[in-house]
Amino acid sequence: MIEMLSVDQLWHAIRREAESALARDPVFGAALSSSILDRPDFAHALAHQIGARLGKTHADRACFAQLARDAFASSPDLIDAASRDLQSIAIHDPATTALLPPLLNFKGYVALQVWRISNWLWREGRNDLALLLQSLSSDQLQVSIHPTASIGTSVFLDHATGIIIGAFAVIGDEVTILQNVTIGRIHSQPDRAPKIGRGVLLSAGSTILGNVSVGDCAKIGAGAVVEHDVPPCCTAVGVPARLANCPEKISV
């Protein structure tokens, strides 16, 4: 298992990357200074990114950035989770091995951190503000995650357009979710939501509905519709989904 950096180590690594990028491209310097080099720590840099992504006006951007800073100060585990999410992208995404590009440019990363704040707000009883953040994330980032969902760490929303994660869904650590994925309840089971295990891959356009469990390290193929349990380490493909590549023979 790859050892994760501490939050302070992560921040120093990001600053080094920013300083190197500034030396390579001074035209990029103004954006880097505002986003990274003028910030005292990772929490402030991430809060700035959240404000910049959600707010349409300067006042809105400042308001959402302050909300994020307040959440991080009140609940430091949010920053620990954000650190693990960012490092997981650099470890697992073949398109980047650096930390700075996903922090600055990957809207799925920001959307996941917005959800973490909305979930914190919901647990604090501030439901209306939590739902406002969900709505803004849906509008601005094309990612809608209900505040009552439960999501682990080292999670990667790849491409992050058209992702919907409904109320009470449970998603484990080290899960990768590609674009246009839906995880939600069905009308006949309004209180039963999917449970996604550790290390699962949900490919583009897949749909997981109802009171189903997707086992650890399973893979859901592109466009698959899953309405029954998927055992660990199996692949589910097709509409409706059928099992393939299971470690031992399992009947559908």
C-alpha atoms as a PDB file:
ATOM      1  CA  MET A   1       0.000   0.000   0.000  1.00  0.00           C
ATOM      2  CA  ILE A   2       1.317   3.456  -0.920  1.00  0.00           C
ATOM      3  CA  GLU A   3       1.850   5.653   2.134  1.00  0.00           C
ATOM      4  CA  MET A   4      -0.048   8.942   2.018  1.00  0.00           C
ATOM      5  CA  LEU A   5       1.563  12.287   2.743  1.00  0.00           C
ATOM      6  CA  SER A   6       0.411  14.260   5.740  1.00  0.00           C
ATOM      7  CA  VAL A   7      -1.600  17.412   5.025  1.00  0.00           C
ATOM      8  CA  ASP A   8       1.471  19.582   5.720  1.00  0.00           C
ATOM      9  CA  GLN A   9       3.652  17.437   3.457  1.00  0.00           C
ATOM     10  CA  LEU A  10       0.995  17.613   0.769  1.00  0.00           C
ATOM     11  CA  TRP A  11       0.877  21.406   0.986  1.00  0.00           C
ATOM     12  CA  HIS A  12       4.656  21.720   0.689  1.00  0.00           C
ATOM     13  CA  ALA A  13       4.588  19.436  -2.369  1.00  0.00           C
ATOM     14  CA  ILE A  14       1.831  21.538  -3.985  1.00  0.00           C
ATOM     15  CA  ARG A  15       3.759  24.755  -3.348  1.00  0.00           C
ATOM     16  CA  ARG A  16       6.902  23.262  -4.895  1.00  0.00           C
ATOM     17  CA  GLU A  17       4.910  22.298  -7.979  1.00  0.00           C
ATOM     18  CA  ALA A  18       3.428  25.809  -8.146  1.00  0.00           C
ATOM     19  CA  GLU A  19       6.840  27.455  -7.865  1.00  0.00           C
ATOM     20  CA  SER A  20       8.191  25.226 -10.641  1.00  0.00           C
ATOM     21  CA  ALA A  21       5.169  25.988 -12.841  1.00  0.00           C
ATOM     22  CA  LEU A  22       5.647  29.711 -12.256  1.00  0.00           C
ATOM     23  CA  ALA A  23       9.288  29.472 -13.305  1.00  0.00           C
ATOM     24  CA  ARG A  24       8.304  27.641 -16.493  1.00  0.00           C
ATOM     25  CA  ASP A  25       5.426  29.956 -17.419  1.00  0.00           C
ATOM     26  CA  PRO A  26       5.336  33.444 -15.848  1.00  0.00           C
ATOM     27  CA  VAL A  27       2.065  34.198 -17.681  1.00  0.00           C
ATOM     28  CA  PHE A  28       0.482  31.560 -15.446  1.00  0.00           C
ATOM     29  CA  GLY A  29       1.891  33.323 -12.403  1.00  0.00           C
ATOM     30  CA  ALA A  30      -1.066  35.533 -11.518  1.00  0.00           C
ATOM     31  CA  ALA A  31      -3.421  32.562 -11.312  1.00  0.00           C
ATOM     32  CA  LEU A  32      -0.896  30.536  -9.320  1.00  0.00           C
ATOM     33  CA  SER A  33      -0.291  33.366  -6.867  1.00  0.00           C
ATOM     34  CA  SER A  34      -3.990  33.894  -6.250  1.00  0.00           C
ATOM     35  CA  SER A  35      -4.807  30.196  -5.976  1.00  0.00           C
ATOM     36  CA  ILE A  36      -1.743  28.748  -4.260  1.00  0.00           C
ATOM     37  CA  LEU A  37       1.247  30.910  -3.475  1.00  0.00           C
ATOM     38  CA  ASP A  38      -0.667  33.610  -1.587  1.00  0.00           C
ATOM     39  CA  ARG A  39      -2.477  31.012   0.569  1.00  0.00           C
ATOM     40  CA  PRO A  40      -1.134  30.023   3.999  1.00  0.00           C
ATOM     41  CA  ASP A  41      -2.083  26.342   3.871  1.00  0.00           C
ATOM     42  CA  PHE A  42      -3.956  23.626   2.002  1.00  0.00           C
ATOM     43  CA  ALA A  43      -7.274  24.384   3.683  1.00  0.00           C
ATOM     44  CA  HIS A  44      -7.210  28.013   2.516  1.00  0.00           C
ATOM     45  CA  ALA A  45      -6.164  27.018  -1.008  1.00  0.00           C
ATOM     46  CA  LEU A  46      -8.974  24.465  -1.252  1.00  0.00           C
ATOM     47  CA  ALA A  47     -11.497  26.936   0.157  1.00  0.00           C
ATOM     48  CA  HIS A  48     -10.417  29.422  -2.518  1.00  0.00           C
ATOM     49  CA  GLN A  49     -11.002  26.811  -5.226  1.00  0.00           C
ATOM     50  CA  ILE A  50     -14.465  26.010  -3.854  1.00  0.00           C
ATOM     51  CA  GLY A  51     -15.412  29.678  -3.788  1.00  0.00           C
ATOM     52  CA  ALA A  52     -14.092  30.231  -7.293  1.00  0.00           C
ATOM     53  CA  ARG A  53     -16.033  27.250  -8.674  1.00  0.00           C
ATOM     54  CA  LEU A  54     -19.369  27.907  -6.955  1.00  0.00           C
ATOM     55  CA  GLY A  55     -19.607  31.684  -6.900  1.00  0.00           C
ATOM     56  CA  LYS A  56     -20.722  33.783  -9.866  1.00  0.00           C
ATOM     57  CA  THR A  57     -19.897  37.132  -8.258  1.00  0.00           C
ATOM     58  CA  HIS A  58     -16.997  38.301  -6.128  1.00  0.00           C
ATOM     59  CA  ALA A  59     -19.281  38.445  -3.079  1.00  0.00           C
ATOM     60  CA  ASP A  60     -20.562  34.908  -3.693  1.00  0.00           C
ATOM     61  CA  ARG A  61     -17.042  33.566  -4.174  1.00  0.00           C
ATOM     62  CA  ALA A  62     -15.907  35.162  -0.924  1.00  0.00           C
ATOM     63  CA  CYS A  63     -18.971  33.822   0.914  1.00  0.00           C
ATOM     64  CA  PHE A  64     -18.493  30.228  -0.210  1.00  0.00           C
ATOM     65  CA  ALA A  65     -14.761  30.341   0.442  1.00  0.00           C
ATOM     66  CA  GLN A  66     -15.441  31.552   3.988  1.00  0.00           C
ATOM     67  CA  LEU A  67     -18.024  28.800   4.483  1.00  0.00           C
ATOM     68  CA  ALA A  68     -15.429  26.230   3.421  1.00  0.00           C
ATOM     69  CA  ARG A  69     -12.815  27.692   5.765  1.00  0.00           C
ATOM     70  CA  ASP A  70     -15.294  27.582   8.643  1.00  0.00           C
ATOM     71  CA  ALA A  71     -16.124  23.942   7.891  1.00  0.00           C
ATOM     72  CA  PHE A  72     -12.454  22.948   7.692  1.00  0.00           C
ATOM     73  CA  ALA A  73     -11.656  24.747  10.953  1.00  0.00           C
ATOM     74  CA  SER A  74     -14.578  23.084  12.733  1.00  0.00           C
ATOM     75  CA  SER A  75     -13.972  19.617  11.278  1.00  0.00           C
ATOM     76  CA  PRO A  76     -10.310  18.968  10.350  1.00  0.00           C
ATOM     77  CA  ASP A  77     -11.207  15.475   9.131  1.00  0.00           C
ATOM     78  CA  LEU A  78     -12.655  17.191   6.044  1.00  0.00           C
ATOM     79  CA  ILE A  79      -9.168  18.367   5.113  1.00  0.00           C
ATOM     80  CA  ASP A  80      -7.675  14.953   5.861  1.00  0.00           C
ATOM     81  CA  ALA A  81     -10.220  13.406   3.469  1.00  0.00           C
ATOM     82  CA  ALA A  82      -9.550  16.090   0.836  1.00  0.00           C
ATOM     83  CA  SER A  83      -5.832  15.365   1.087  1.00  0.00           C
ATOM     84  CA  ARG A  84      -6.376  11.646   0.527  1.00  0.00           C
ATOM     85  CA  ASP A  85      -8.736  12.311  -2.390  1.00  0.00           C
ATOM     86  CA  LEU A  86      -6.148  14.531  -4.103  1.00  0.00           C
ATOM     87  CA  GLN A  87      -3.275  12.124  -3.586  1.00  0.00           C
ATOM     88  CA  SER A  88      -5.384   9.248  -4.888  1.00  0.00           C
ATOM     89  CA  ILE A  89      -5.849  11.077  -8.186  1.00  0.00           C
ATOM     90  CA  ALA A  90      -2.094  11.528  -8.574  1.00  0.00           C
ATOM     91  CA  ILE A  91      -1.531   7.857  -7.738  1.00  0.00           C
ATOM     92  CA  HIS A  92      -4.241   6.256  -9.869  1.00  0.00           C
ATOM     93  CA  ASP A  93      -4.975   8.579 -12.792  1.00  0.00           C
ATOM     94  CA  PRO A  94      -2.639   7.770 -15.726  1.00  0.00           C
ATOM     95  CA  ALA A  95      -3.230  11.280 -17.104  1.00  0.00           C
ATOM     96  CA  THR A  96      -1.426  12.989 -14.217  1.00  0.00           C
ATOM     97  CA  THR A  97       1.177  12.175 -11.592  1.00  0.00           C
ATOM     98  CA  ALA A  98       1.177  15.669 -10.066  1.00  0.00           C
ATOM     99  CA  LEU A  99      -0.948  17.281  -7.355  1.00  0.00           C
ATOM    100  CA  LEU A 100      -1.347  20.811  -8.689  1.00  0.00           C
ATOM    101  CA  PRO A 101      -3.335  20.092 -11.908  1.00  0.00           C
ATOM    102  CA  PRO A 102      -6.215  18.206 -10.236  1.00  0.00           C
ATOM    103  CA  LEU A 103      -6.431  20.789  -7.447  1.00  0.00           C
ATOM    104  CA  LEU A 104      -6.681  23.644  -9.960  1.00  0.00           C
ATOM    105  CA  ASN A 105      -8.509  22.004 -12.850  1.00  0.00           C
ATOM    106  CA  PHE A 106     -10.433  18.845 -11.931  1.00  0.00           C
ATOM    107  CA  LYS A 107     -13.999  19.881 -11.177  1.00  0.00           C
ATOM    108  CA  GLY A 108     -14.826  16.409  -9.898  1.00  0.00           C
ATOM    109  CA  TYR A 109     -12.298  16.889  -7.121  1.00  0.00           C
ATOM    110  CA  VAL A 110     -13.855  20.205  -6.108  1.00  0.00           C
ATOM    111  CA  ALA A 111     -17.382  18.756  -6.365  1.00  0.00           C
ATOM    112  CA  LEU A 112     -16.448  15.964  -3.968  1.00  0.00           C
ATOM    113  CA  GLN A 113     -15.115  18.476  -1.441  1.00  0.00           C
ATOM    114  CA  VAL A 114     -18.281  20.571  -1.816  1.00  0.00           C
ATOM    115  CA  TRP A 115     -20.244  17.424  -0.952  1.00  0.00           C
ATOM    116  CA  ARG A 116     -18.062  16.865   2.115  1.00  0.00           C
ATOM    117  CA  ILE A 117     -18.992  20.347   3.331  1.00  0.00           C
ATOM    118  CA  SER A 118     -22.690  19.831   2.538  1.00  0.00           C
ATOM    119  CA  ASN A 119     -22.632  16.547   4.459  1.00  0.00           C
ATOM    120  CA  TRP A 120     -21.023  18.318   7.414  1.00  0.00           C
ATOM    121  CA  LEU A 121     -23.690  21.022   7.254  1.00  0.00           C
ATOM    122  CA  TRP A 122     -26.450  18.378   7.170  1.00  0.00           C
ATOM    123  CA  ARG A 123     -25.026  16.685  10.249  1.00  0.00           C
ATOM    124  CA  GLU A 124     -24.917  20.095  11.945  1.00  0.00           C
ATOM    125  CA  GLY A 125     -28.648  20.549  11.239  1.00  0.00           C
ATOM    126  CA  ARG A 126     -28.125  23.219   8.572  1.00  0.00           C
ATOM    127  CA  ASN A 127     -30.129  21.326   5.977  1.00  0.00           C
ATOM    128  CA  ASP A 128     -31.194  24.227   3.783  1.00  0.00           C
ATOM    129  CA  LEU A 129     -27.625  25.422   3.260  1.00  0.00           C
ATOM    130  CA  ALA A 130     -26.498  21.837   2.630  1.00  0.00           C
ATOM    131  CA  LEU A 131     -29.113  21.452  -0.114  1.00  0.00           C
ATOM    132  CA  LEU A 132     -28.116  24.826  -1.588  1.00  0.00           C
ATOM    133  CA  LEU A 133     -24.550  23.553  -1.976  1.00  0.00           C
ATOM    134  CA  GLN A 134     -25.863  20.415  -3.679  1.00  0.00           C
ATOM    135  CA  SER A 135     -27.866  22.560  -6.101  1.00  0.00           C
ATOM    136  CA  LEU A 136     -24.911  24.824  -6.852  1.00  0.00           C
ATOM    137  CA  SER A 137     -22.638  21.840  -7.439  1.00  0.00           C
ATOM    138  CA  SER A 138     -25.206  20.403  -9.840  1.00  0.00           C
ATOM    139  CA  ASP A 139     -25.527  23.706 -11.717  1.00  0.00           C
ATOM    140  CA  GLN A 140     -21.877  24.760 -11.765  1.00  0.00           C
ATOM    141  CA  LEU A 141     -20.019  21.436 -11.744  1.00  0.00           C
ATOM    142  CA  GLN A 142     -22.550  18.952 -13.188  1.00  0.00           C
ATOM    143  CA  VAL A 143     -22.188  16.736 -10.116  1.00  0.00           C
ATOM    144  CA  SER A 144     -25.167  16.245  -7.781  1.00  0.00           C
ATOM    145  CA  ILE A 145     -24.513  14.409  -4.512  1.00  0.00           C
ATOM    146  CA  HIS A 146     -27.191  14.442  -1.826  1.00  0.00           C
ATOM    147  CA  PRO A 147     -25.898  15.604   1.564  1.00  0.00           C
ATOM    148  CA  THR A 148     -27.139  12.392   3.242  1.00  0.00           C
ATOM    149  CA  ALA A 149     -24.940  10.169   1.088  1.00  0.00           C
ATOM    150  CA  SER A 150     -21.939   8.520   2.747  1.00  0.00           C
ATOM    151  CA  ILE A 151     -18.631   8.562   0.857  1.00  0.00           C
ATOM    152  CA  GLY A 152     -15.215   7.272   1.913  1.00  0.00           C
ATOM    153  CA  THR A 153     -11.807   8.703   1.092  1.00  0.00           C
ATOM    154  CA  SER A 154      -9.394   8.333  -1.821  1.00  0.00           C
ATOM    155  CA  VAL A 155     -12.434   8.634  -4.110  1.00  0.00           C
ATOM    156  CA  PHE A 156     -11.978   9.861  -7.704  1.00  0.00           C
ATOM    157  CA  LEU A 157     -14.746  11.422  -9.790  1.00  0.00           C
ATOM    158  CA  ASP A 158     -13.127  11.120 -13.212  1.00  0.00           C
ATOM    159  CA  HIS A 159     -14.305  13.577 -15.920  1.00  0.00           C
ATOM    160  CA  ALA A 160     -17.148  14.335 -13.481  1.00  0.00           C
ATOM    161  CA  THR A 161     -20.001  15.369 -15.730  1.00  0.00           C
ATOM    162  CA  GLY A 162     -23.528  14.078 -15.192  1.00  0.00           C
ATOM    163  CA  ILE A 163     -22.780  12.242 -11.934  1.00  0.00           C
ATOM    164  CA  ILE A 164     -25.781  11.760  -9.631  1.00  0.00           C
ATOM    165  CA  ILE A 165     -25.477  10.184  -6.190  1.00  0.00           C
ATOM    166  CA  GLY A 166     -28.783  10.041  -4.375  1.00  0.00           C
ATOM    167  CA  ALA A 167     -29.870  10.229  -0.762  1.00  0.00           C
ATOM    168  CA  PHE A 168     -28.465   7.608   1.642  1.00  0.00           C
ATOM    169  CA  ALA A 169     -26.182   5.994  -0.953  1.00  0.00           C
ATOM    170  CA  VAL A 170     -23.034   4.518   0.599  1.00  0.00           C
ATOM    171  CA  ILE A 171     -19.707   4.588  -1.270  1.00  0.00           C
ATOM    172  CA  GLY A 172     -16.535   3.047   0.136  1.00  0.00           C
ATOM    173  CA  ASP A 173     -12.899   4.085  -0.013  1.00  0.00           C
ATOM    174  CA  GLU A 174     -10.841   4.095  -3.235  1.00  0.00           C
ATOM    175  CA  VAL A 175     -13.862   4.096  -5.550  1.00  0.00           C
ATOM    176  CA  THR A 176     -13.544   5.556  -9.059  1.00  0.00           C
ATOM    177  CA  ILE A 177     -16.674   6.990 -10.682  1.00  0.00           C
ATOM    178  CA  LEU A 178     -16.650   8.072 -14.313  1.00  0.00           C
ATOM    179  CA  GLN A 179     -18.975  10.453 -16.132  1.00  0.00           C
ATOM    180  CA  ASN A 180     -22.769  10.054 -16.369  1.00  0.00           C
ATOM    181  CA  VAL A 181     -23.041   7.575 -13.504  1.00  0.00           C
ATOM    182  CA  THR A 182     -26.266   7.389 -11.475  1.00  0.00           C
ATOM    183  CA  ILE A 183     -26.453   5.822  -8.008  1.00  0.00           C
ATOM    184  CA  GLY A 184     -29.920   6.048  -6.540  1.00  0.00           C
ATOM    185  CA  ARG A 185     -33.063   4.580  -5.036  1.00  0.00           C
ATOM    186  CA  ILE A 186     -36.139   3.302  -6.877  1.00  0.00           C
ATOM    187  CA  HIS A 187     -39.696   4.415  -6.184  1.00  0.00           C
ATOM    188  CA  SER A 188     -40.794   1.089  -4.732  1.00  0.00           C
ATOM    189  CA  GLN A 189     -37.926   1.187  -2.197  1.00  0.00           C
ATOM    190  CA  PRO A 190     -37.599   4.864  -1.237  1.00  0.00           C
ATOM    191  CA  ASP A 191     -35.616   4.103   1.923  1.00  0.00           C
ATOM    192  CA  ARG A 192     -33.150   1.661   0.326  1.00  0.00           C
ATOM    193  CA  ALA A 193     -30.103   2.990  -1.498  1.00  0.00           C
ATOM    194  CA  PRO A 194     -27.118   1.248  -3.120  1.00  0.00           C
ATOM    195  CA  LYS A 195     -23.991   0.342  -1.181  1.00  0.00           C
ATOM    196  CA  ILE A 196     -20.751   0.481  -3.157  1.00  0.00           C
ATOM    197  CA  GLY A 197     -17.760  -1.359  -1.698  1.00  0.00           C
ATOM    198  CA  ARG A 198     -14.098  -0.457  -1.502  1.00  0.00           C
ATOM    199  CA  GLY A 199     -12.036  -0.171  -4.688  1.00  0.00           C
ATOM    200  CA  VAL A 200     -15.011  -0.387  -7.064  1.00  0.00           C
ATOM    201  CA  LEU A 201     -14.887   1.022 -10.606  1.00  0.00           C
ATOM    202  CA  LEU A 202     -18.139   2.498 -11.946  1.00  0.00           C
ATOM    203  CA  SER A 203     -17.627   3.004 -15.671  1.00  0.00           C
ATOM    204  CA  ALA A 204     -19.141   5.741 -17.814  1.00  0.00           C
ATOM    205  CA  GLY A 205     -22.929   5.781 -18.057  1.00  0.00           C
ATOM    206  CA  SER A 206     -23.524   3.003 -15.561  1.00  0.00           C
ATOM    207  CA  THR A 207     -26.588   3.017 -13.302  1.00  0.00           C
ATOM    208  CA  ILE A 208     -26.905   1.361  -9.901  1.00  0.00           C
ATOM    209  CA  LEU A 209     -30.445   1.368  -8.503  1.00  0.00           C
ATOM    210  CA  GLY A 210     -32.216   0.265  -5.372  1.00  0.00           C
ATOM    211  CA  ASN A 211     -31.308  -1.880  -2.406  1.00  0.00           C
ATOM    212  CA  VAL A 212     -28.224  -3.477  -3.958  1.00  0.00           C
ATOM    213  CA  SER A 213     -24.643  -4.054  -2.854  1.00  0.00           C
ATOM    214  CA  VAL A 214     -21.631  -3.857  -5.128  1.00  0.00           C
ATOM    215  CA  GLY A 215     -18.808  -5.824  -3.513  1.00  0.00           C
ATOM    216  CA  ASP A 216     -15.241  -4.708  -2.967  1.00  0.00           C
ATOM    217  CA  CYS A 217     -13.078  -4.389  -6.100  1.00  0.00           C
ATOM    218  CA  ALA A 218     -15.985  -5.106  -8.446  1.00  0.00           C
ATOM    219  CA  LYS A 219     -16.225  -3.394 -11.836  1.00  0.00           C
ATOM    220  CA  ILE A 220     -19.410  -2.060 -13.428  1.00  0.00           C
ATOM    221  CA  GLY A 221     -19.138  -1.808 -17.207  1.00  0.00           C
ATOM    222  CA  ALA A 222     -20.008   1.215 -19.310  1.00  0.00           C
ATOM    223  CA  GLY A 223     -23.752   1.677 -19.669  1.00  0.00           C
ATOM    224  CA  ALA A 224     -24.626  -1.239 -17.376  1.00  0.00           C
ATOM    225  CA  VAL A 225     -27.841  -1.109 -15.332  1.00  0.00           C
ATOM    226  CA  VAL A 226     -27.401  -2.859 -11.984  1.00  0.00           C
ATOM    227  CA  GLU A 227     -30.495  -3.799  -9.973  1.00  0.00           C
ATOM    228  CA  HIS A 228     -29.105  -6.877  -8.196  1.00  0.00           C
ATOM    229  CA  ASP A 229     -26.095  -7.471  -5.968  1.00  0.00           C
ATOM    230  CA  VAL A 230     -22.657  -7.732  -7.569  1.00  0.00           C
ATOM    231  CA  PRO A 231     -20.244  -9.972  -5.604  1.00  0.00           C
ATOM    232  CA  PRO A 232     -16.695  -8.813  -4.804  1.00  0.00           C
ATOM    233  CA  CYS A 233     -14.180  -8.821  -7.679  1.00  0.00           C
ATOM    234  CA  CYS A 234     -16.858  -9.532 -10.308  1.00  0.00           C
ATOM    235  CA  THR A 235     -17.614  -7.465 -13.390  1.00  0.00           C
ATOM    236  CA  ALA A 236     -21.195  -6.525 -14.247  1.00  0.00           C
ATOM    237  CA  VAL A 237     -22.045  -5.643 -17.854  1.00  0.00           C
ATOM    238  CA  GLY A 238     -25.126  -5.070 -19.971  1.00  0.00           C
ATOM    239  CA  VAL A 239     -28.779  -4.075 -19.567  1.00  0.00           C
ATOM    240  CA  PRO A 240     -29.905  -5.575 -17.303  1.00  0.00           C
ATOM    241  CA  ALA A 241     -26.464  -6.273 -15.870  1.00  0.00           C
ATOM    242  CA  ARG A 242     -25.085  -9.814 -15.890  1.00  0.00           C
ATOM    243  CA  LEU A 243     -21.995 -11.059 -14.088  1.00  0.00           C
ATOM    244  CA  ALA A 244     -18.693 -11.842 -15.769  1.00  0.00           C
ATOM    245  CA  ASN A 245     -15.072 -12.467 -14.781  1.00  0.00           C
ATOM    246  CA  CYS A 246     -15.956 -13.566 -11.261  1.00  0.00           C
ATOM    247  CA  PRO A 247     -13.239 -15.287  -9.222  1.00  0.00           C
ATOM    248  CA  GLU A 248     -15.434 -18.366  -8.947  1.00  0.00           C
ATOM    249  CA  LYS A 249     -18.539 -19.524 -10.757  1.00  0.00           C
ATOM    250  CA  ILE A 250     -21.552 -17.482  -9.613  1.00  0.00           C
ATOM    251  CA  SER A 251     -24.994 -17.851 -11.135  1.00  0.00           C
ATOM    252  CA  VAL A 252     -26.826 -14.653 -12.074  1.00  0.00           C
END
